[in-house]
Amino acid sequence: MNKPVEKKLIIYLADLDHFLPGNRLHMPLGIGSIASYCKSVYGEAVDIFLFKDPDELIAEIRRRPPQVLGCSFFMWNTNLMFKMIEACKIISGQIITVIGGSSIARHSDNYKKILERHPSLDIIVLDQGEKSFANILKRIIKENYNQESIFSASIAGCALRLNKIGQITRGEIVARGVDINTFPSPYLAGYFDKFLQAGFVSMLETARG
């Protein structure tokens, strides 16, 4: 068993989009699945909140900075996402910033260039989203949020800077994902309630792999 953290981890997951006239905004299915899976693993040790609106996210970061900010990385939100991460670090340099998504090549070393270009970014999820992000939380919980210890070794499924300023390292490859039937649906878990009420387009995952 991992030793308990001294405080509950507050985690914000964001699938940021451009709220412009004519845009059809879709449910953040990816981060919803990550939230539901991680909550099923770590239970009361974590509180996880989802965001699509950049203005809502930055207001909440100012009001209550999280310990971890995870952002979905897509070609259409690249600049928005990195500006949010930079702003997040200005508000609180202690927030651990994470990105992951389909715009990151898993089978190349492009992650090194991303980390070199963006000093406000701490960790890149390269492999299966739920398991790899859960591995980050496992490290944080195990090390009681001691950042020097968190960044002292690689994390499976992820890339990071050792001790945040040194060598960039890629952890062990997480080759297999999770069975989507083994953790609660993010719809039934309530993670999508506010998005449904706002009229977002629903999305479903029926199979994987």
C-alpha atoms as a PDB file:
ATOM      1  CA  MET A   1       0.000   0.000   0.000  1.00  0.00           C
ATOM      2  CA  ASN A   2       1.160   3.550  -0.731  1.00  0.00           C
ATOM      3  CA  LYS A   3       1.588   5.818   2.254  1.00  0.00           C
ATOM      4  CA  PRO A   4      -1.219   8.395   2.382  1.00  0.00           C
ATOM      5  CA  VAL A   5      -0.713  11.945   1.218  1.00  0.00           C
ATOM      6  CA  GLU A   6      -0.933  14.643   3.844  1.00  0.00           C
ATOM      7  CA  LYS A   7      -3.624  16.443   1.841  1.00  0.00           C
ATOM      8  CA  LYS A   8      -6.101  15.436  -0.828  1.00  0.00           C
ATOM      9  CA  LEU A   9      -4.786  15.985  -4.347  1.00  0.00           C
ATOM     10  CA  ILE A  10      -6.786  18.536  -6.313  1.00  0.00           C
ATOM     11  CA  ILE A  11      -6.537  17.740 -10.021  1.00  0.00           C
ATOM     12  CA  TYR A  12      -7.841  19.845 -12.905  1.00  0.00           C
ATOM     13  CA  LEU A  13      -8.177  18.154 -16.304  1.00  0.00           C
ATOM     14  CA  ALA A  14      -8.780  20.423 -19.273  1.00  0.00           C
ATOM     15  CA  ASP A  15      -9.784  19.766 -22.873  1.00  0.00           C
ATOM     16  CA  LEU A  16      -9.628  23.426 -23.890  1.00  0.00           C
ATOM     17  CA  ASP A  17     -11.584  24.701 -26.865  1.00  0.00           C
ATOM     18  CA  HIS A  18     -12.305  27.986 -28.622  1.00  0.00           C
ATOM     19  CA  PHE A  19     -15.730  29.245 -27.585  1.00  0.00           C
ATOM     20  CA  LEU A  20     -16.507  31.057 -30.840  1.00  0.00           C
ATOM     21  CA  PRO A  21     -19.823  31.561 -32.667  1.00  0.00           C
ATOM     22  CA  GLY A  22     -20.623  28.531 -34.801  1.00  0.00           C
ATOM     23  CA  ASN A  23     -18.329  26.117 -32.956  1.00  0.00           C
ATOM     24  CA  ARG A  24     -19.974  22.860 -31.923  1.00  0.00           C
ATOM     25  CA  LEU A  25     -18.418  21.925 -28.612  1.00  0.00           C
ATOM     26  CA  HIS A  26     -18.014  18.229 -27.893  1.00  0.00           C
ATOM     27  CA  MET A  27     -17.954  16.328 -24.638  1.00  0.00           C
ATOM     28  CA  PRO A  28     -14.392  15.954 -23.227  1.00  0.00           C
ATOM     29  CA  LEU A  29     -14.562  12.174 -23.408  1.00  0.00           C
ATOM     30  CA  GLY A  30     -10.821  11.542 -23.075  1.00  0.00           C
ATOM     31  CA  ILE A  31     -10.256  13.465 -19.860  1.00  0.00           C
ATOM     32  CA  GLY A  32     -13.572  12.161 -18.537  1.00  0.00           C
ATOM     33  CA  SER A  33     -12.325   8.595 -18.893  1.00  0.00           C
ATOM     34  CA  ILE A  34      -9.021   9.501 -17.231  1.00  0.00           C
ATOM     35  CA  ALA A  35     -10.872  11.147 -14.347  1.00  0.00           C
ATOM     36  CA  SER A  36     -13.221   8.219 -13.818  1.00  0.00           C
ATOM     37  CA  TYR A  37     -10.410   5.657 -14.002  1.00  0.00           C
ATOM     38  CA  CYS A  38      -8.108   7.549 -11.613  1.00  0.00           C
ATOM     39  CA  LYS A  39     -10.937   8.130  -9.160  1.00  0.00           C
ATOM     40  CA  SER A  40     -11.684   4.398  -9.199  1.00  0.00           C
ATOM     41  CA  VAL A  41      -8.021   3.698  -8.377  1.00  0.00           C
ATOM     42  CA  TYR A  42      -7.294   6.396  -5.781  1.00  0.00           C
ATOM     43  CA  GLY A  43     -10.736   7.118  -4.340  1.00  0.00           C
ATOM     44  CA  GLU A  44     -10.816   9.728  -1.594  1.00  0.00           C
ATOM     45  CA  ALA A  45      -7.128  10.594  -2.070  1.00  0.00           C
ATOM     46  CA  VAL A  46      -8.043  12.711  -5.116  1.00  0.00           C
ATOM     47  CA  ASP A  47     -10.632  15.230  -6.266  1.00  0.00           C
ATOM     48  CA  ILE A  48     -10.811  15.694 -10.031  1.00  0.00           C
ATOM     49  CA  PHE A  49     -12.538  18.506 -11.943  1.00  0.00           C
ATOM     50  CA  LEU A  50     -13.027  18.864 -15.707  1.00  0.00           C
ATOM     51  CA  PHE A  51     -12.879  21.992 -17.862  1.00  0.00           C
ATOM     52  CA  LYS A  52     -13.485  23.008 -21.466  1.00  0.00           C
ATOM     53  CA  ASP A  53     -13.740  26.792 -21.130  1.00  0.00           C
ATOM     54  CA  PRO A  54     -10.343  28.554 -20.743  1.00  0.00           C
ATOM     55  CA  ASP A  55     -11.923  31.466 -18.864  1.00  0.00           C
ATOM     56  CA  GLU A  56     -13.573  29.127 -16.364  1.00  0.00           C
ATOM     57  CA  LEU A  57     -10.321  27.229 -15.876  1.00  0.00           C
ATOM     58  CA  ILE A  58      -8.103  30.258 -15.270  1.00  0.00           C
ATOM     59  CA  ALA A  59     -10.649  31.713 -12.844  1.00  0.00           C
ATOM     60  CA  GLU A  60     -10.687  28.469 -10.879  1.00  0.00           C
ATOM     61  CA  ILE A  61      -6.881  28.232 -10.862  1.00  0.00           C
ATOM     62  CA  ARG A  62      -6.746  31.732  -9.394  1.00  0.00           C
ATOM     63  CA  ARG A  63      -9.395  30.881  -6.799  1.00  0.00           C
ATOM     64  CA  ARG A  64      -8.031  27.471  -5.828  1.00  0.00           C
ATOM     65  CA  PRO A  65      -4.777  26.354  -7.474  1.00  0.00           C
ATOM     66  CA  PRO A  66      -4.671  22.587  -8.013  1.00  0.00           C
ATOM     67  CA  GLN A  67      -1.700  20.351  -7.333  1.00  0.00           C
ATOM     68  CA  VAL A  68      -1.917  18.941 -10.884  1.00  0.00           C
ATOM     69  CA  LEU A  69      -3.149  20.443 -14.163  1.00  0.00           C
ATOM     70  CA  GLY A  70      -3.535  17.992 -17.046  1.00  0.00           C
ATOM     71  CA  CYS A  71      -4.375  19.274 -20.539  1.00  0.00           C
ATOM     72  CA  SER A  72      -5.434  17.493 -23.720  1.00  0.00           C
ATOM     73  CA  PHE A  73      -3.100  18.343 -26.604  1.00  0.00           C
ATOM     74  CA  PHE A  74      -4.695  18.635 -30.055  1.00  0.00           C
ATOM     75  CA  MET A  75      -3.664  20.523 -33.182  1.00  0.00           C
ATOM     76  CA  TRP A  76      -6.551  22.987 -32.755  1.00  0.00           C
ATOM     77  CA  ASN A  77      -5.749  24.020 -29.189  1.00  0.00           C
ATOM     78  CA  THR A  78      -1.935  23.955 -29.111  1.00  0.00           C
ATOM     79  CA  ASN A  79      -1.309  27.677 -28.566  1.00  0.00           C
ATOM     80  CA  LEU A  80      -4.238  28.026 -26.173  1.00  0.00           C
ATOM     81  CA  MET A  81      -3.062  25.057 -24.118  1.00  0.00           C
ATOM     82  CA  PHE A  82       0.546  26.210 -23.774  1.00  0.00           C
ATOM     83  CA  LYS A  83      -0.525  29.767 -22.867  1.00  0.00           C
ATOM     84  CA  MET A  84      -2.752  28.289 -20.156  1.00  0.00           C
ATOM     85  CA  ILE A  85       0.138  26.244 -18.767  1.00  0.00           C
ATOM     86  CA  GLU A  86       2.375  29.341 -18.706  1.00  0.00           C
ATOM     87  CA  ALA A  87      -0.317  31.345 -16.914  1.00  0.00           C
ATOM     88  CA  CYS A  88      -0.865  28.483 -14.481  1.00  0.00           C
ATOM     89  CA  LYS A  89       2.810  28.511 -13.480  1.00  0.00           C
ATOM     90  CA  ILE A  90       2.703  32.284 -12.953  1.00  0.00           C
ATOM     91  CA  ILE A  91      -0.212  31.848 -10.558  1.00  0.00           C
ATOM     92  CA  SER A  92       1.495  28.995  -8.716  1.00  0.00           C
ATOM     93  CA  GLY A  93       4.871  27.571  -9.648  1.00  0.00           C
ATOM     94  CA  GLN A  94       4.142  24.483  -7.545  1.00  0.00           C
ATOM     95  CA  ILE A  95       1.435  23.159  -9.877  1.00  0.00           C
ATOM     96  CA  ILE A  96       2.584  20.073 -11.771  1.00  0.00           C
ATOM     97  CA  THR A  97       1.638  20.564 -15.435  1.00  0.00           C
ATOM     98  CA  VAL A  98       0.919  17.609 -17.714  1.00  0.00           C
ATOM     99  CA  ILE A  99      -0.138  17.246 -21.348  1.00  0.00           C
ATOM    100  CA  GLY A 100      -1.163  14.284 -23.458  1.00  0.00           C
ATOM    101  CA  GLY A 101      -3.174  13.512 -26.554  1.00  0.00           C
ATOM    102  CA  SER A 102      -3.208  12.493 -30.175  1.00  0.00           C
ATOM    103  CA  SER A 103      -0.939  15.333 -31.323  1.00  0.00           C
ATOM    104  CA  ILE A 104       2.036  13.863 -29.464  1.00  0.00           C
ATOM    105  CA  ALA A 105       3.994  11.236 -31.371  1.00  0.00           C
ATOM    106  CA  ARG A 106       4.547   8.178 -29.193  1.00  0.00           C
ATOM    107  CA  HIS A 107       7.197   6.549 -31.332  1.00  0.00           C
ATOM    108  CA  SER A 108       9.634   9.423 -31.824  1.00  0.00           C
ATOM    109  CA  ASP A 109      11.705  11.711 -29.636  1.00  0.00           C
ATOM    110  CA  ASN A 110       9.594  14.781 -30.441  1.00  0.00           C
ATOM    111  CA  TYR A 111       8.623  14.923 -26.761  1.00  0.00           C
ATOM    112  CA  LYS A 112      12.171  16.149 -26.049  1.00  0.00           C
ATOM    113  CA  LYS A 113      11.663  19.189 -28.282  1.00  0.00           C
ATOM    114  CA  ILE A 114       8.318  19.948 -26.633  1.00  0.00           C
ATOM    115  CA  LEU A 115       9.803  19.870 -23.134  1.00  0.00           C
ATOM    116  CA  GLU A 116      12.808  21.939 -24.231  1.00  0.00           C
ATOM    117  CA  ARG A 117      10.611  24.616 -25.821  1.00  0.00           C
ATOM    118  CA  HIS A 118       8.141  24.860 -22.946  1.00  0.00           C
ATOM    119  CA  PRO A 119       9.828  25.191 -19.538  1.00  0.00           C
ATOM    120  CA  SER A 120       6.426  25.597 -17.847  1.00  0.00           C
ATOM    121  CA  LEU A 121       5.537  22.038 -18.871  1.00  0.00           C
ATOM    122  CA  ASP A 122       6.585  19.295 -16.459  1.00  0.00           C
ATOM    123  CA  ILE A 123       5.360  15.953 -17.822  1.00  0.00           C
ATOM    124  CA  ILE A 124       4.149  14.548 -21.156  1.00  0.00           C
ATOM    125  CA  VAL A 125       1.890  11.492 -21.226  1.00  0.00           C
ATOM    126  CA  LEU A 126       3.038   9.389 -24.174  1.00  0.00           C
ATOM    127  CA  ASP A 127       1.250   6.074 -23.759  1.00  0.00           C
ATOM    128  CA  GLN A 128      -2.205   4.894 -22.682  1.00  0.00           C
ATOM    129  CA  GLY A 129      -3.864   7.916 -21.090  1.00  0.00           C
ATOM    130  CA  GLU A 130      -5.636   6.409 -18.082  1.00  0.00           C
ATOM    131  CA  LYS A 131      -2.777   4.206 -16.919  1.00  0.00           C
ATOM    132  CA  SER A 132      -0.016   6.708 -17.618  1.00  0.00           C
ATOM    133  CA  PHE A 133      -1.759   9.577 -15.850  1.00  0.00           C
ATOM    134  CA  ALA A 134      -2.564   7.248 -12.960  1.00  0.00           C
ATOM    135  CA  ASN A 135       1.165   6.485 -12.748  1.00  0.00           C
ATOM    136  CA  ILE A 136       1.840  10.208 -12.264  1.00  0.00           C
ATOM    137  CA  LEU A 137      -0.659  10.340  -9.410  1.00  0.00           C
ATOM    138  CA  LYS A 138       0.852   7.196  -7.924  1.00  0.00           C
ATOM    139  CA  ARG A 139       4.272   8.885  -7.810  1.00  0.00           C
ATOM    140  CA  ILE A 140       2.831  12.052  -6.240  1.00  0.00           C
ATOM    141  CA  ILE A 141       0.942  10.077  -3.603  1.00  0.00           C
ATOM    142  CA  LYS A 142       3.933   7.892  -2.828  1.00  0.00           C
ATOM    143  CA  GLU A 143       6.238  10.897  -2.416  1.00  0.00           C
ATOM    144  CA  ASN A 144       3.734  13.003  -0.433  1.00  0.00           C
ATOM    145  CA  TYR A 145       3.939  15.764  -3.027  1.00  0.00           C
ATOM    146  CA  ASN A 146       7.677  16.299  -2.553  1.00  0.00           C
ATOM    147  CA  GLN A 147       8.594  17.664  -5.968  1.00  0.00           C
ATOM    148  CA  GLU A 148      12.278  16.824  -5.713  1.00  0.00           C
ATOM    149  CA  SER A 149      11.350  13.171  -5.146  1.00  0.00           C
ATOM    150  CA  ILE A 150       8.594  13.179  -7.771  1.00  0.00           C
ATOM    151  CA  PHE A 151      11.065  14.188 -10.487  1.00  0.00           C
ATOM    152  CA  SER A 152      13.935  12.022  -9.287  1.00  0.00           C
ATOM    153  CA  ALA A 153      13.140   9.099 -11.615  1.00  0.00           C
ATOM    154  CA  SER A 154      11.199   8.292 -14.773  1.00  0.00           C
ATOM    155  CA  ILE A 155       7.462   7.481 -14.723  1.00  0.00           C
ATOM    156  CA  ALA A 156       6.037   4.660 -16.830  1.00  0.00           C
ATOM    157  CA  GLY A 157       4.193   5.917 -19.891  1.00  0.00           C
ATOM    158  CA  CYS A 158       5.531   9.468 -19.548  1.00  0.00           C
ATOM    159  CA  ALA A 159       8.415  11.798 -20.355  1.00  0.00           C
ATOM    160  CA  LEU A 160       9.800  14.348 -17.879  1.00  0.00           C
ATOM    161  CA  ARG A 161      12.897  16.248 -16.809  1.00  0.00           C
ATOM    162  CA  LEU A 162      14.810  14.573 -14.021  1.00  0.00           C
ATOM    163  CA  ASN A 163      14.636  16.949 -11.043  1.00  0.00           C
ATOM    164  CA  LYS A 164      12.777  19.329 -13.407  1.00  0.00           C
ATOM    165  CA  ILE A 165      15.943  20.981 -14.730  1.00  0.00           C
ATOM    166  CA  GLY A 166      18.096  18.141 -16.005  1.00  0.00           C
ATOM    167  CA  GLN A 167      18.014  15.244 -18.385  1.00  0.00           C
ATOM    168  CA  ILE A 168      14.799  14.448 -20.220  1.00  0.00           C
ATOM    169  CA  THR A 169      13.825  10.831 -19.730  1.00  0.00           C
ATOM    170  CA  ARG A 170      11.108   8.534 -21.067  1.00  0.00           C
ATOM    171  CA  GLY A 171       9.656   5.951 -18.733  1.00  0.00           C
ATOM    172  CA  GLU A 172       8.829   2.337 -19.421  1.00  0.00           C
ATOM    173  CA  ILE A 173       6.320   1.962 -22.274  1.00  0.00           C
ATOM    174  CA  VAL A 174       2.744   1.264 -21.200  1.00  0.00           C
ATOM    175  CA  ALA A 175       1.724  -0.906 -24.132  1.00  0.00           C
ATOM    176  CA  ARG A 176      -1.755  -1.967 -23.076  1.00  0.00           C
ATOM    177  CA  GLY A 177      -4.652   0.243 -22.082  1.00  0.00           C
ATOM    178  CA  VAL A 178      -7.527  -0.499 -19.741  1.00  0.00           C
ATOM    179  CA  ASP A 179     -10.794  -2.270 -20.410  1.00  0.00           C
ATOM    180  CA  ILE A 180     -13.376   0.516 -20.541  1.00  0.00           C
ATOM    181  CA  ASN A 181     -15.825  -1.818 -18.781  1.00  0.00           C
ATOM    182  CA  THR A 182     -13.677  -2.035 -15.652  1.00  0.00           C
ATOM    183  CA  PHE A 183     -14.225   1.518 -14.414  1.00  0.00           C
ATOM    184  CA  PRO A 184     -17.371   3.671 -14.129  1.00  0.00           C
ATOM    185  CA  SER A 185     -18.660   5.555 -17.139  1.00  0.00           C
ATOM    186  CA  PRO A 186     -17.775   9.258 -16.761  1.00  0.00           C
ATOM    187  CA  TYR A 187     -21.397   9.980 -17.692  1.00  0.00           C
ATOM    188  CA  LEU A 188     -22.743   7.897 -14.809  1.00  0.00           C
ATOM    189  CA  ALA A 189     -20.045   9.209 -12.464  1.00  0.00           C
ATOM    190  CA  GLY A 190     -21.334  12.758 -13.006  1.00  0.00           C
ATOM    191  CA  TYR A 191     -18.247  14.217 -14.645  1.00  0.00           C
ATOM    192  CA  PHE A 192     -20.206  15.370 -17.693  1.00  0.00           C
ATOM    193  CA  ASP A 193     -23.287  16.807 -15.982  1.00  0.00           C
ATOM    194  CA  LYS A 194     -22.356  20.472 -16.486  1.00  0.00           C
ATOM    195  CA  PHE A 195     -21.449  19.853 -20.128  1.00  0.00           C
ATOM    196  CA  LEU A 196     -24.732  18.051 -20.821  1.00  0.00           C
ATOM    197  CA  GLN A 197     -26.639  20.917 -19.246  1.00  0.00           C
ATOM    198  CA  ALA A 198     -24.742  23.367 -21.458  1.00  0.00           C
ATOM    199  CA  GLY A 199     -25.737  21.442 -24.595  1.00  0.00           C
ATOM    200  CA  PHE A 200     -22.383  19.950 -25.549  1.00  0.00           C
ATOM    201  CA  VAL A 201     -22.413  17.247 -28.234  1.00  0.00           C
ATOM    202  CA  SER A 202     -22.291  13.825 -26.581  1.00  0.00           C
ATOM    203  CA  MET A 203     -19.642  11.277 -27.515  1.00  0.00           C
ATOM    204  CA  LEU A 204     -19.387   7.572 -26.687  1.00  0.00           C
ATOM    205  CA  GLU A 205     -16.556   5.047 -26.733  1.00  0.00           C
ATOM    206  CA  THR A 206     -17.850   1.589 -27.572  1.00  0.00           C
ATOM    207  CA  ALA A 207     -14.584  -0.261 -28.175  1.00  0.00           C
ATOM    208  CA  ARG A 208     -10.850   0.229 -27.901  1.00  0.00           C
ATOM    209  CA  GLY A 209      -7.863  -1.529 -29.395  1.00  0.00           C
END
